[in-house]
Amino acid sequence: MDFLSLTDYFDLLGVVGKGSFGTVIHARTLDPYASATKSKGTSGSTIPSSYVPHDVALKKLSLTCGSSIRRELHALHAVKGCSNVVELVACVGNVDGVSGIPSVYLVFPFLRNTGTVKV
């Protein structure tokens, strides 16, 4: 069975930040029907799609930090719904096609930097 890769779901637009616990990548979602037909080797989708791409932020985490990933997911779940916390949309696993190294990507809505916020 062939699995879809990260680039079947997202158009990776560029790195927007790096930190101690991961790298954040600006990406745009791709039409899931197009990805599904691509994996089956067919051209075009038989399902009419009114798909609208969304900009997302992918936070790439290394699987070598398993306990850190669990803590972060637990914390994000605990604060879900708070008005001042960006919501976790999905968690996606991926194996790099070149290195074979597995990674976990946390998917968030992409928020453009509009300057400082006054509180």
C-alpha atoms as a PDB file:
ATOM      1  CA  MET A   1       0.000   0.000   0.000  1.00  0.00           C
ATOM      2  CA  ASP A   2       1.313   3.431  -0.946  1.00  0.00           C
ATOM      3  CA  PHE A   3       0.913   6.232   1.564  1.00  0.00           C
ATOM      4  CA  LEU A   4       0.615   9.876   0.632  1.00  0.00           C
ATOM      5  CA  SER A   5       3.477  12.132   1.667  1.00  0.00           C
ATOM      6  CA  LEU A   6       3.312  15.542   3.310  1.00  0.00           C
ATOM      7  CA  THR A   7       3.656  17.255  -0.074  1.00  0.00           C
ATOM      8  CA  ASP A   8       0.510  15.448  -1.302  1.00  0.00           C
ATOM      9  CA  TYR A   9      -1.459  17.392   1.331  1.00  0.00           C
ATOM     10  CA  PHE A  10       0.449  20.676   1.546  1.00  0.00           C
ATOM     11  CA  ASP A  11       2.292  23.086  -0.723  1.00  0.00           C
ATOM     12  CA  LEU A  12       5.298  24.010   1.442  1.00  0.00           C
ATOM     13  CA  LEU A  13       5.872  27.765   1.029  1.00  0.00           C
ATOM     14  CA  GLY A  14       8.841  28.373   3.324  1.00  0.00           C
ATOM     15  CA  VAL A  15      10.240  28.340   6.832  1.00  0.00           C
ATOM     16  CA  VAL A  16       8.866  31.137   9.021  1.00  0.00           C
ATOM     17  CA  GLY A  17      10.632  30.291  12.264  1.00  0.00           C
ATOM     18  CA  LYS A  18      12.927  27.935  14.131  1.00  0.00           C
ATOM     19  CA  GLY A  19      13.123  27.251  17.834  1.00  0.00           C
ATOM     20  CA  SER A  20      14.346  24.775  20.409  1.00  0.00           C
ATOM     21  CA  PHE A  21      11.429  22.402  19.890  1.00  0.00           C
ATOM     22  CA  GLY A  22      10.833  22.580  16.166  1.00  0.00           C
ATOM     23  CA  THR A  23      10.652  24.412  12.878  1.00  0.00           C
ATOM     24  CA  VAL A  24       7.543  26.263  11.672  1.00  0.00           C
ATOM     25  CA  ILE A  25       6.710  26.110   7.968  1.00  0.00           C
ATOM     26  CA  HIS A  26       4.156  28.236   6.101  1.00  0.00           C
ATOM     27  CA  ALA A  27       2.118  25.926   3.854  1.00  0.00           C
ATOM     28  CA  ARG A  28      -1.080  25.872   1.832  1.00  0.00           C
ATOM     29  CA  THR A  29      -3.465  22.940   1.869  1.00  0.00           C
ATOM     30  CA  LEU A  30      -3.966  21.073  -1.393  1.00  0.00           C
ATOM     31  CA  ASP A  31      -7.187  19.630  -2.786  1.00  0.00           C
ATOM     32  CA  PRO A  32      -7.625  16.268  -1.011  1.00  0.00           C
ATOM     33  CA  TYR A  33      -9.476  14.781  -3.999  1.00  0.00           C
ATOM     34  CA  ALA A  34      -6.598  15.615  -6.324  1.00  0.00           C
ATOM     35  CA  SER A  35      -4.162  13.982  -3.869  1.00  0.00           C
ATOM     36  CA  ALA A  36      -6.317  10.855  -3.599  1.00  0.00           C
ATOM     37  CA  THR A  37      -6.518  10.401  -7.372  1.00  0.00           C
ATOM     38  CA  LYS A  38      -2.795  11.121  -7.703  1.00  0.00           C
ATOM     39  CA  SER A  39      -1.965   8.237  -5.352  1.00  0.00           C
ATOM     40  CA  LYS A  40      -4.110   5.876  -7.438  1.00  0.00           C
ATOM     41  CA  GLY A  41      -2.347   6.903 -10.627  1.00  0.00           C
ATOM     42  CA  THR A  42      -5.403   8.511 -12.227  1.00  0.00           C
ATOM     43  CA  SER A  43      -5.620  11.955 -13.699  1.00  0.00           C
ATOM     44  CA  GLY A  44      -8.213  14.372 -12.403  1.00  0.00           C
ATOM     45  CA  SER A  45     -10.897  13.867  -9.829  1.00  0.00           C
ATOM     46  CA  THR A  46     -14.257  12.254 -10.471  1.00  0.00           C
ATOM     47  CA  ILE A  47     -15.653  14.141  -7.472  1.00  0.00           C
ATOM     48  CA  PRO A  48     -16.413  17.782  -8.237  1.00  0.00           C
ATOM     49  CA  SER A  49     -14.522  19.819  -5.696  1.00  0.00           C
ATOM     50  CA  SER A  50     -15.359  23.286  -4.488  1.00  0.00           C
ATOM     51  CA  TYR A  51     -12.163  23.069  -2.494  1.00  0.00           C
ATOM     52  CA  VAL A  52     -10.679  26.306  -1.154  1.00  0.00           C
ATOM     53  CA  PRO A  53      -7.004  26.158  -0.093  1.00  0.00           C
ATOM     54  CA  HIS A  54      -6.116  27.367   3.392  1.00  0.00           C
ATOM     55  CA  ASP A  55      -2.843  28.774   4.657  1.00  0.00           C
ATOM     56  CA  VAL A  56      -1.542  26.768   7.596  1.00  0.00           C
ATOM     57  CA  ALA A  57       1.475  26.711   9.863  1.00  0.00           C
ATOM     58  CA  LEU A  58       3.168  23.321  10.160  1.00  0.00           C
ATOM     59  CA  LYS A  59       5.279  22.867  13.270  1.00  0.00           C
ATOM     60  CA  LYS A  60       7.778  20.103  12.540  1.00  0.00           C
ATOM     61  CA  LEU A  61       8.763  18.095  15.602  1.00  0.00           C
ATOM     62  CA  SER A  62      11.469  15.460  15.806  1.00  0.00           C
ATOM     63  CA  LEU A  63      10.350  12.044  17.009  1.00  0.00           C
ATOM     64  CA  THR A  64      13.444  11.873  19.211  1.00  0.00           C
ATOM     65  CA  CYS A  65      11.562  14.095  21.678  1.00  0.00           C
ATOM     66  CA  GLY A  66       8.580  11.785  22.267  1.00  0.00           C
ATOM     67  CA  SER A  67       7.811  12.992  25.782  1.00  0.00           C
ATOM     68  CA  SER A  68       7.969  16.636  24.626  1.00  0.00           C
ATOM     69  CA  ILE A  69       5.501  15.888  21.835  1.00  0.00           C
ATOM     70  CA  ARG A  70       3.089  14.253  24.292  1.00  0.00           C
ATOM     71  CA  ARG A  71       3.363  17.207  26.708  1.00  0.00           C
ATOM     72  CA  GLU A  72       2.767  19.746  23.932  1.00  0.00           C
ATOM     73  CA  LEU A  73      -0.259  17.843  22.580  1.00  0.00           C
ATOM     74  CA  HIS A  74      -1.666  17.504  26.098  1.00  0.00           C
ATOM     75  CA  ALA A  75      -1.208  21.242  26.755  1.00  0.00           C
ATOM     76  CA  LEU A  76      -2.799  22.200  23.422  1.00  0.00           C
ATOM     77  CA  HIS A  77      -5.764  19.936  24.150  1.00  0.00           C
ATOM     78  CA  ALA A  78      -6.129  21.447  27.647  1.00  0.00           C
ATOM     79  CA  VAL A  79      -6.350  25.033  26.314  1.00  0.00           C
ATOM     80  CA  LYS A  80      -8.524  24.197  23.293  1.00  0.00           C
ATOM     81  CA  GLY A  81     -11.236  26.798  22.841  1.00  0.00           C
ATOM     82  CA  CYS A  82      -9.456  29.604  24.708  1.00  0.00           C
ATOM     83  CA  SER A  83      -9.854  32.851  22.776  1.00  0.00           C
ATOM     84  CA  ASN A  84      -6.172  33.811  22.913  1.00  0.00           C
ATOM     85  CA  VAL A  85      -4.684  30.437  21.893  1.00  0.00           C
ATOM     86  CA  VAL A  86      -4.331  29.260  18.297  1.00  0.00           C
ATOM     87  CA  GLU A  87      -6.199  25.987  17.803  1.00  0.00           C
ATOM     88  CA  LEU A  88      -4.481  22.764  16.759  1.00  0.00           C
ATOM     89  CA  VAL A  89      -6.135  21.625  13.513  1.00  0.00           C
ATOM     90  CA  ALA A  90      -4.406  18.279  13.011  1.00  0.00           C
ATOM     91  CA  CYS A  91      -1.362  16.183  13.780  1.00  0.00           C
ATOM     92  CA  VAL A  92       0.322  14.556  10.768  1.00  0.00           C
ATOM     93  CA  GLY A  93       3.107  11.980  10.627  1.00  0.00           C
ATOM     94  CA  ASN A  94       5.569  11.942   7.738  1.00  0.00           C
ATOM     95  CA  VAL A  95       8.675  10.003   6.761  1.00  0.00           C
ATOM     96  CA  ASP A  96      11.227  12.001   4.794  1.00  0.00           C
ATOM     97  CA  GLY A  97      11.576  10.454   1.329  1.00  0.00           C
ATOM     98  CA  VAL A  98      15.324  11.084   1.177  1.00  0.00           C
ATOM     99  CA  SER A  99      16.604  10.504   4.717  1.00  0.00           C
ATOM    100  CA  GLY A 100      13.867   8.127   5.893  1.00  0.00           C
ATOM    101  CA  ILE A 101      13.627  10.040   9.182  1.00  0.00           C
ATOM    102  CA  PRO A 102      10.096  10.197  10.649  1.00  0.00           C
ATOM    103  CA  SER A 103       8.658  13.494  11.885  1.00  0.00           C
ATOM    104  CA  VAL A 104       5.439  14.752  13.402  1.00  0.00           C
ATOM    105  CA  TYR A 105       3.825  17.938  12.120  1.00  0.00           C
ATOM    106  CA  LEU A 106       1.334  19.935  14.164  1.00  0.00           C
ATOM    107  CA  VAL A 107      -1.051  21.830  11.876  1.00  0.00           C
ATOM    108  CA  PHE A 108      -2.310  25.273  12.947  1.00  0.00           C
ATOM    109  CA  PRO A 109      -4.097  28.075  11.094  1.00  0.00           C
ATOM    110  CA  PHE A 110      -1.511  30.449   9.651  1.00  0.00           C
ATOM    111  CA  LEU A 111      -1.687  33.867  11.281  1.00  0.00           C
ATOM    112  CA  ARG A 112       0.054  36.668   9.422  1.00  0.00           C
ATOM    113  CA  ASN A 113       2.164  38.945  11.583  1.00  0.00           C
ATOM    114  CA  THR A 114       0.337  42.260  11.701  1.00  0.00           C
ATOM    115  CA  GLY A 115       2.631  43.965  14.176  1.00  0.00           C
ATOM    116  CA  THR A 116       2.374  44.335  17.900  1.00  0.00           C
ATOM    117  CA  VAL A 117      -0.863  43.824  19.765  1.00  0.00           C
ATOM    118  CA  LYS A 118      -1.832  46.276  22.489  1.00  0.00           C
ATOM    119  CA  VAL A 119      -3.401  44.787  25.610  1.00  0.00           C
END
